[in-house]
Amino acid sequence: MILTVGAAHRRDKHRSCHASHAWPPPCRAALSVAHAAWGCVVRHAIGSRMRILFITATRLGDAVLSTGLVEHLRQRHPDARFTIACGPVAEGVFARLPNRDDTLVIEKRRFDLHWAGLWATCLRPWDLAVDLRGSAVTLMLPARRRRIMRGGRRPGHRLAHLAGVLGLAEPPMPVIWTDESDEARARALLPSGPLYVGLGPTANWSGKIWPAAQYAALFEAIASRHPNAVPVVFAGPGEAESRMAAPLVAALDSHAPIVLAGLEIPQVAAALRRCALFVGNDSGLMHVAGAAGAPTLGLFGPSRVSEYGPTGPQTLACVAPGPEGHAPIDQLAVETVLDGALRLLQPGRVQAAA
């Protein structure tokens, strides 16, 4: 089954939790007094330039999806300065964010001590604190305004839930910020001429991985229609990613695949923009591709496309037959994926890297 995901999530209802709605009355009263006191401190301590603390995900895909909120705030407050708090894997997502003062990397520790460390680091005053982790830390920080996303899994696309944090009717689309050095690196890695087909054979667990033989058969079918097609296999840093990508690299040996592994996230985004198509498992890389604006086809088996389908100007999802969130990925037929790929490679949309 092929789904158009890029626009469908906009219809999802969104809900969010601001500050202390879920706290009992005595706690709410105490927090109100504390917030009023902090407000006095903040009004005297913050200068004219707005300062925003943005606490986001540890996982790559969730962090990418949250970039639309950051970009919305940046466009609304062009002079604002940003401090980002995120996990180590997601740090590179914000590396090229304009007006970024700092990135605070949250390393998980026993007994949730990482939150105490973050609190101690962020005791400076803030105009706005946005917390997508639903932690109590933000309640104890000196901030004029707070926007806190409640925790727990719930139906609907993640983008709709994120939009609710800021009370937005339309979810802002994710972005990946790059600079000229990233674009130059991508041009060197993927020179002009061929029609590059990006492939993302890795994921954070094996159940999400479409078999290498099926990826290879897909590329063979695309190459039979586009003789100038060149496979580009993307993988993240580390041995585990290389091991997951190795079977596909071997299966495509006769096509001399280009392997891009361990690049910085902005470089990955720039390289994806040079691809006429990206096909990949449900993963952080899939979300990077969609946010970068690459024609992106996400493959779903035992994960929920209704919650994490790819987003971007040119995105589709192929879903294995079976109950949502429980379908075996190896049952996703090559013919189904090829149909989705060819829809993204329509005449007039296909172009070789320039």
Protein backbone atom coordinates (compact mmCIF):
# COMPACT_ATOMS: atom_id res chain seq x y z
CA MET A 1 0.00 0.00 0.00
CA ILE A 2 1.25 3.47 -0.91
CA LEU A 3 0.21 6.43 1.20
CA THR A 4 0.66 10.13 0.61
CA VAL A 5 1.79 11.24 4.04
CA GLY A 6 3.21 14.72 3.54
CA ALA A 7 -0.14 16.54 3.77
CA ALA A 8 -2.38 14.03 5.55
CA HIS A 9 -0.91 14.69 9.00
CA ARG A 10 -2.13 18.29 8.87
CA ARG A 11 -5.65 17.09 9.64
CA ASP A 12 -4.64 15.51 12.93
CA LYS A 13 -5.92 17.20 16.04
CA HIS A 14 -3.23 18.41 18.38
CA ARG A 15 -3.04 18.61 22.13
CA SER A 16 -0.38 19.94 24.41
CA CYS A 17 0.23 20.63 28.06
CA HIS A 18 1.30 24.08 29.17
CA ALA A 19 3.19 24.48 32.42
CA SER A 20 1.42 22.76 35.32
CA HIS A 21 -2.09 21.72 34.19
CA ALA A 22 -1.63 18.15 35.42
CA TRP A 23 -0.36 19.12 38.89
CA PRO A 24 -2.59 18.97 42.00
CA PRO A 25 -3.97 22.33 43.32
CA PRO A 26 -1.41 22.89 46.13
CA CYS A 27 1.46 22.30 43.70
CA ARG A 28 -0.12 24.57 41.10
CA ALA A 29 -0.43 27.36 43.67
CA ALA A 30 3.19 26.99 44.75
CA LEU A 31 4.36 26.94 41.16
CA SER A 32 2.34 30.07 40.37
CA VAL A 33 4.12 31.93 43.16
CA ALA A 34 7.48 30.60 41.99
CA HIS A 35 6.77 31.57 38.39
CA ALA A 36 5.78 35.09 39.43
CA ALA A 37 9.02 35.46 41.36
CA TRP A 38 11.05 34.12 38.45
CA GLY A 39 9.24 36.53 36.15
CA CYS A 40 10.48 39.48 38.18
CA VAL A 41 14.02 38.15 38.00
CA VAL A 42 13.77 37.51 34.27
CA ARG A 43 12.36 40.93 33.42
CA HIS A 44 15.35 42.57 35.08
CA ALA A 45 17.98 40.14 33.81
CA ILE A 46 17.17 39.71 30.11
CA GLY A 47 18.34 42.34 27.69
CA SER A 48 16.53 43.52 24.61
CA ARG A 49 17.48 40.48 22.51
CA MET A 50 15.13 37.53 22.97
CA ARG A 51 16.63 34.31 24.33
CA ILE A 52 14.97 30.96 23.66
CA LEU A 53 15.73 27.59 25.26
CA PHE A 54 14.54 24.66 23.12
CA ILE A 55 14.66 21.20 24.71
CA THR A 56 14.12 18.50 22.11
CA ALA A 57 14.60 14.79 21.51
CA THR A 58 17.49 12.41 21.96
CA ARG A 59 16.57 10.46 18.81
CA LEU A 60 17.49 11.77 15.37
CA GLY A 61 14.07 11.44 13.74
CA ASP A 62 12.18 13.19 16.54
CA ALA A 63 14.76 15.98 16.62
CA VAL A 64 14.41 16.53 12.87
CA LEU A 65 10.62 16.71 13.16
CA SER A 66 10.99 19.39 15.84
CA THR A 67 13.06 21.68 13.60
CA GLY A 68 9.91 23.17 12.10
CA LEU A 69 9.07 24.70 15.49
CA VAL A 70 12.56 26.18 15.77
CA GLU A 71 12.33 27.65 12.28
CA HIS A 72 8.88 29.05 13.05
CA LEU A 73 10.26 30.80 16.13
CA ARG A 74 13.29 32.02 14.20
CA GLN A 75 11.15 33.54 11.47
CA ARG A 76 8.83 35.13 14.02
CA HIS A 77 11.72 36.48 16.13
CA PRO A 78 14.62 37.11 13.70
CA ASP A 79 16.91 38.57 16.37
CA ALA A 80 16.31 35.83 18.95
CA ARG A 81 19.22 33.75 20.22
CA PHE A 82 18.72 29.99 20.60
CA THR A 83 20.11 27.43 22.99
CA ILE A 84 19.28 23.84 22.00
CA ALA A 85 19.24 20.88 24.39
CA CYS A 86 19.18 17.46 22.69
CA GLY A 87 20.73 14.01 22.65
CA PRO A 88 24.19 13.26 21.18
CA VAL A 89 22.81 11.70 17.98
CA ALA A 90 20.68 14.77 17.28
CA GLU A 91 23.36 17.39 17.94
CA GLY A 92 24.30 17.76 14.27
CA VAL A 93 20.72 18.61 13.27
CA PHE A 94 21.19 22.08 14.76
CA ALA A 95 24.83 22.62 13.82
CA ARG A 96 24.01 25.25 11.16
CA LEU A 97 21.05 26.86 12.92
CA PRO A 98 21.38 30.65 12.53
CA ASN A 99 21.51 32.61 15.81
CA ARG A 100 22.43 29.50 17.80
CA ASP A 101 24.36 30.38 20.95
CA ASP A 102 24.92 26.86 22.23
CA THR A 103 23.90 23.21 22.01
CA LEU A 104 23.62 21.37 25.31
CA VAL A 105 24.05 17.63 24.78
CA ILE A 106 21.92 15.54 27.15
CA GLU A 107 23.78 12.35 28.05
CA LYS A 108 21.38 10.01 29.84
CA ARG A 109 22.46 9.11 33.38
CA ARG A 110 21.13 6.85 36.11
CA PHE A 111 18.30 8.13 38.29
CA ASP A 112 17.55 10.86 35.72
CA LEU A 113 20.54 12.86 36.94
CA HIS A 114 20.97 14.26 33.43
CA TRP A 115 17.97 16.51 34.14
CA ALA A 116 19.65 17.92 37.23
CA GLY A 117 22.70 18.70 35.13
CA LEU A 118 20.60 20.42 32.49
CA TRP A 119 18.80 22.48 35.13
CA ALA A 120 22.09 23.66 36.63
CA THR A 121 23.38 24.63 33.18
CA CYS A 122 20.23 26.54 32.21
CA LEU A 123 19.72 28.70 35.30
CA ARG A 124 20.23 31.85 33.25
CA PRO A 125 17.04 33.82 32.43
CA TRP A 126 15.00 32.99 29.30
CA ASP A 127 12.30 34.81 27.38
CA LEU A 128 10.84 31.49 26.22
CA ALA A 129 11.51 27.90 27.26
CA VAL A 130 10.10 25.16 25.00
CA ASP A 131 10.30 21.63 26.41
CA LEU A 132 9.35 18.77 24.09
CA ARG A 133 10.48 16.17 26.63
CA GLY A 134 7.76 16.98 29.17
CA SER A 135 10.28 17.25 31.98
CA ALA A 136 9.83 19.15 35.25
CA VAL A 137 13.09 21.00 34.64
CA THR A 138 11.48 23.79 32.63
CA LEU A 139 9.11 24.60 35.49
CA MET A 140 12.09 25.46 37.70
CA LEU A 141 13.89 27.71 35.24
CA PRO A 142 13.62 31.52 35.16
CA ALA A 143 11.52 32.08 32.06
CA ARG A 144 8.90 34.62 31.03
CA ARG A 145 6.97 31.99 29.06
CA ARG A 146 7.00 28.21 28.99
CA ARG A 147 5.61 25.74 26.49
CA ILE A 148 5.76 22.13 27.64
CA MET A 149 4.68 19.09 25.63
CA ARG A 150 3.00 16.43 27.68
CA GLY A 151 4.58 13.00 27.57
CA GLY A 152 3.14 9.68 26.50
CA ARG A 153 2.27 8.17 23.17
CA ARG A 154 -1.00 9.16 21.51
CA PRO A 155 -2.62 8.77 18.09
CA GLY A 156 -1.89 11.13 15.22
CA HIS A 157 1.21 12.35 13.48
CA ARG A 158 4.03 13.65 15.61
CA LEU A 159 4.06 16.94 13.69
CA ALA A 160 0.50 17.73 14.75
CA HIS A 161 1.39 17.18 18.41
CA LEU A 162 4.43 19.43 18.04
CA ALA A 163 2.32 22.17 16.47
CA GLY A 164 0.04 22.07 19.50
CA VAL A 165 2.90 23.06 21.79
CA LEU A 166 2.89 26.54 20.24
CA GLY A 167 -0.83 26.55 19.47
CA LEU A 168 -0.28 26.45 15.71
CA ALA A 169 -3.15 25.38 13.45
CA GLU A 170 -0.79 24.18 10.71
CA PRO A 171 2.26 22.09 11.63
CA PRO A 172 5.44 23.81 10.42
CA MET A 173 7.46 21.60 8.09
CA PRO A 174 10.86 20.31 9.29
CA VAL A 175 14.00 21.89 7.86
CA ILE A 176 17.70 21.07 7.74
CA TRP A 177 20.02 24.06 7.87
CA THR A 178 23.15 23.85 5.69
CA ASP A 179 25.84 26.26 4.53
CA GLU A 180 27.98 26.57 1.41
CA SER A 181 30.67 24.26 2.81
CA ASP A 182 28.09 21.47 3.07
CA GLU A 183 26.85 22.08 -0.47
CA ALA A 184 30.43 22.10 -1.79
CA ARG A 185 31.16 18.82 -0.01
CA ALA A 186 28.03 17.29 -1.55
CA ARG A 187 29.02 18.45 -5.04
CA ALA A 188 32.43 16.85 -4.61
CA LEU A 189 30.92 13.56 -3.44
CA LEU A 190 28.14 13.50 -6.06
CA PRO A 191 29.40 15.30 -9.18
CA SER A 192 27.03 16.56 -11.84
CA GLY A 193 25.66 14.20 -14.48
CA PRO A 194 24.22 10.95 -13.09
CA LEU A 195 20.74 10.42 -11.73
CA TYR A 196 21.51 9.58 -8.12
CA VAL A 197 19.19 7.19 -6.28
CA GLY A 198 19.71 7.40 -2.53
CA LEU A 199 19.11 4.24 -0.50
CA GLY A 200 18.80 4.06 3.28
CA PRO A 201 19.15 0.41 4.35
CA THR A 202 19.72 1.05 8.09
CA ALA A 203 17.38 1.59 11.04
CA ASN A 204 17.49 1.58 14.83
CA TRP A 205 16.23 -2.02 15.00
CA SER A 206 16.25 -4.96 12.63
CA GLY A 207 12.45 -5.28 12.33
CA LYS A 208 12.34 -2.01 10.35
CA ILE A 209 14.93 -3.07 7.77
CA TRP A 210 13.74 -3.99 4.28
CA PRO A 211 15.95 -6.84 2.99
CA ALA A 212 19.03 -5.94 0.95
CA ALA A 213 17.99 -8.26 -1.90
CA GLN A 214 14.75 -6.32 -2.29
CA TYR A 215 16.57 -2.98 -2.30
CA ALA A 216 18.88 -4.35 -5.00
CA ALA A 217 15.95 -5.58 -7.09
CA LEU A 218 14.32 -2.17 -6.74
CA PHE A 219 17.42 -0.40 -8.02
CA GLU A 220 17.73 -2.84 -10.93
CA ALA A 221 14.16 -1.99 -11.95
CA ILE A 222 14.83 1.75 -11.71
CA ALA A 223 18.10 1.44 -13.65
CA SER A 224 16.33 -0.44 -16.44
CA ARG A 225 14.20 2.68 -16.96
CA HIS A 226 16.94 5.23 -16.21
CA PRO A 227 20.29 3.96 -17.54
CA ASN A 228 22.19 6.88 -15.96
CA ALA A 229 21.01 5.92 -12.45
CA VAL A 230 23.74 5.52 -9.83
CA PRO A 231 23.03 4.02 -6.38
CA VAL A 232 24.09 6.03 -3.33
CA VAL A 233 24.01 4.05 -0.08
CA PHE A 234 23.69 6.22 3.04
CA ALA A 235 24.69 5.06 6.52
CA GLY A 236 25.36 6.80 9.81
CA PRO A 237 28.57 6.76 11.84
CA GLY A 238 29.80 3.65 13.63
CA GLU A 239 30.36 -0.03 12.95
CA ALA A 240 26.73 -1.01 13.51
CA GLU A 241 25.56 1.23 10.67
CA SER A 242 28.31 -0.07 8.37
CA ARG A 243 27.31 -3.67 9.13
CA MET A 244 23.67 -2.96 8.29
CA ALA A 245 24.62 -1.30 5.00
CA ALA A 246 27.18 -3.93 3.93
CA PRO A 247 24.74 -6.50 2.43
CA LEU A 248 23.22 -3.89 0.12
CA VAL A 249 26.62 -2.52 -0.90
CA ALA A 250 27.66 -6.07 -1.82
CA ALA A 251 24.41 -6.75 -3.71
CA LEU A 252 24.92 -3.59 -5.80
CA ASP A 253 28.58 -4.26 -6.53
CA SER A 254 28.08 -4.45 -10.31
CA HIS A 255 26.61 -0.92 -10.24
CA ALA A 256 29.62 0.60 -8.41
CA PRO A 257 27.57 2.09 -5.57
CA ILE A 258 28.69 5.28 -3.88
CA VAL A 259 28.76 4.77 -0.11
CA LEU A 260 28.28 7.83 2.10
CA ALA A 261 28.78 6.85 5.73
CA GLY A 262 29.54 8.88 8.82
CA LEU A 263 29.03 12.33 7.29
CA GLU A 264 27.87 15.27 9.37
CA ILE A 265 24.10 15.69 9.22
CA PRO A 266 24.20 18.96 7.23
CA GLN A 267 26.47 17.24 4.68
CA VAL A 268 24.05 14.32 4.49
CA ALA A 269 21.19 16.75 3.83
CA ALA A 270 23.15 18.51 1.09
CA ALA A 271 23.98 15.16 -0.54
CA LEU A 272 20.34 14.05 -0.35
CA ARG A 273 19.31 17.21 -2.21
CA ARG A 274 21.44 16.02 -5.13
CA CYS A 275 19.51 12.74 -5.31
CA ALA A 276 16.58 12.42 -7.72
CA LEU A 277 15.05 9.95 -5.25
CA PHE A 278 15.64 8.61 -1.76
CA VAL A 279 14.18 5.26 -0.64
CA GLY A 280 14.75 4.26 2.96
CA ASN A 281 13.48 2.46 6.03
CA ASP A 282 11.55 4.33 8.71
CA SER A 283 14.53 6.01 10.36
CA GLY A 284 16.09 9.31 11.29
CA LEU A 285 17.74 9.38 7.87
CA MET A 286 14.32 9.18 6.21
CA HIS A 287 13.23 12.27 8.14
CA VAL A 288 16.46 14.08 7.20
CA ALA A 289 15.74 13.32 3.54
CA GLY A 290 12.20 14.68 3.72
CA ALA A 291 13.30 17.80 5.59
CA ALA A 292 16.08 18.37 3.06
CA GLY A 293 13.48 18.45 0.29
CA ALA A 294 14.61 15.27 -1.46
CA PRO A 295 11.87 13.16 -3.13
CA THR A 296 11.50 10.66 -0.29
CA LEU A 297 9.86 7.23 -0.16
CA GLY A 298 9.64 5.80 3.36
CA LEU A 299 9.23 2.05 3.94
CA PHE A 300 7.09 0.90 6.87
CA GLY A 301 6.47 -2.49 8.45
CA PRO A 302 6.28 -2.81 12.25
CA SER A 303 6.13 0.95 12.85
CA ARG A 304 3.23 3.37 12.52
CA VAL A 305 3.10 5.47 9.38
CA SER A 306 0.21 7.44 10.88
CA GLU A 307 2.56 8.71 13.59
CA TYR A 308 5.93 8.93 11.84
CA GLY A 309 5.29 8.99 8.10
CA PRO A 310 7.78 11.05 6.07
CA THR A 311 7.12 14.77 5.77
CA GLY A 312 8.30 17.23 3.18
CA PRO A 313 7.38 18.72 -0.18
CA GLN A 314 7.79 15.40 -2.06
CA THR A 315 7.14 12.41 0.19
CA LEU A 316 5.32 9.08 0.00
CA ALA A 317 5.19 6.02 2.22
CA CYS A 318 4.95 2.34 1.28
CA VAL A 319 3.41 0.16 3.98
CA ALA A 320 3.72 -3.62 4.30
CA PRO A 321 0.41 -5.54 4.35
CA GLY A 322 -0.91 -6.30 7.81
CA PRO A 323 -2.02 -4.49 10.98
CA GLU A 324 -0.43 -1.06 11.35
CA GLY A 325 2.59 -1.24 13.59
CA HIS A 326 2.83 -5.03 13.36
CA ALA A 327 3.31 -5.83 9.66
CA PRO A 328 6.51 -7.71 8.72
CA ILE A 329 8.69 -5.45 6.58
CA ASP A 330 9.90 -8.32 4.39
CA GLN A 331 6.33 -8.71 3.11
CA LEU A 332 6.58 -5.31 1.42
CA ALA A 333 6.76 -6.22 -2.27
CA VAL A 334 9.37 -4.78 -4.61
CA GLU A 335 6.59 -4.00 -7.10
CA THR A 336 4.79 -1.85 -4.51
CA VAL A 337 7.92 0.12 -3.70
CA LEU A 338 8.76 0.48 -7.39
CA ASP A 339 5.32 1.95 -8.01
CA GLY A 340 5.95 4.58 -5.33
CA ALA A 341 9.45 5.27 -6.63
CA LEU A 342 8.21 5.82 -10.18
CA ARG A 343 5.55 8.20 -8.93
CA LEU A 344 8.31 10.33 -7.41
CA LEU A 345 10.37 9.95 -10.59
CA GLN A 346 7.65 11.26 -12.88
CA PRO A 347 8.66 12.89 -16.18
CA GLY A 348 9.43 16.53 -15.55
CA ARG A 349 10.46 15.82 -11.95
CA VAL A 350 13.41 13.60 -12.81
CA GLN A 351 16.67 15.44 -13.20
CA ALA A 352 20.31 14.51 -12.98
CA ALA A 353 22.43 16.22 -10.35
CA ALA A 354 23.48 19.67 -11.55
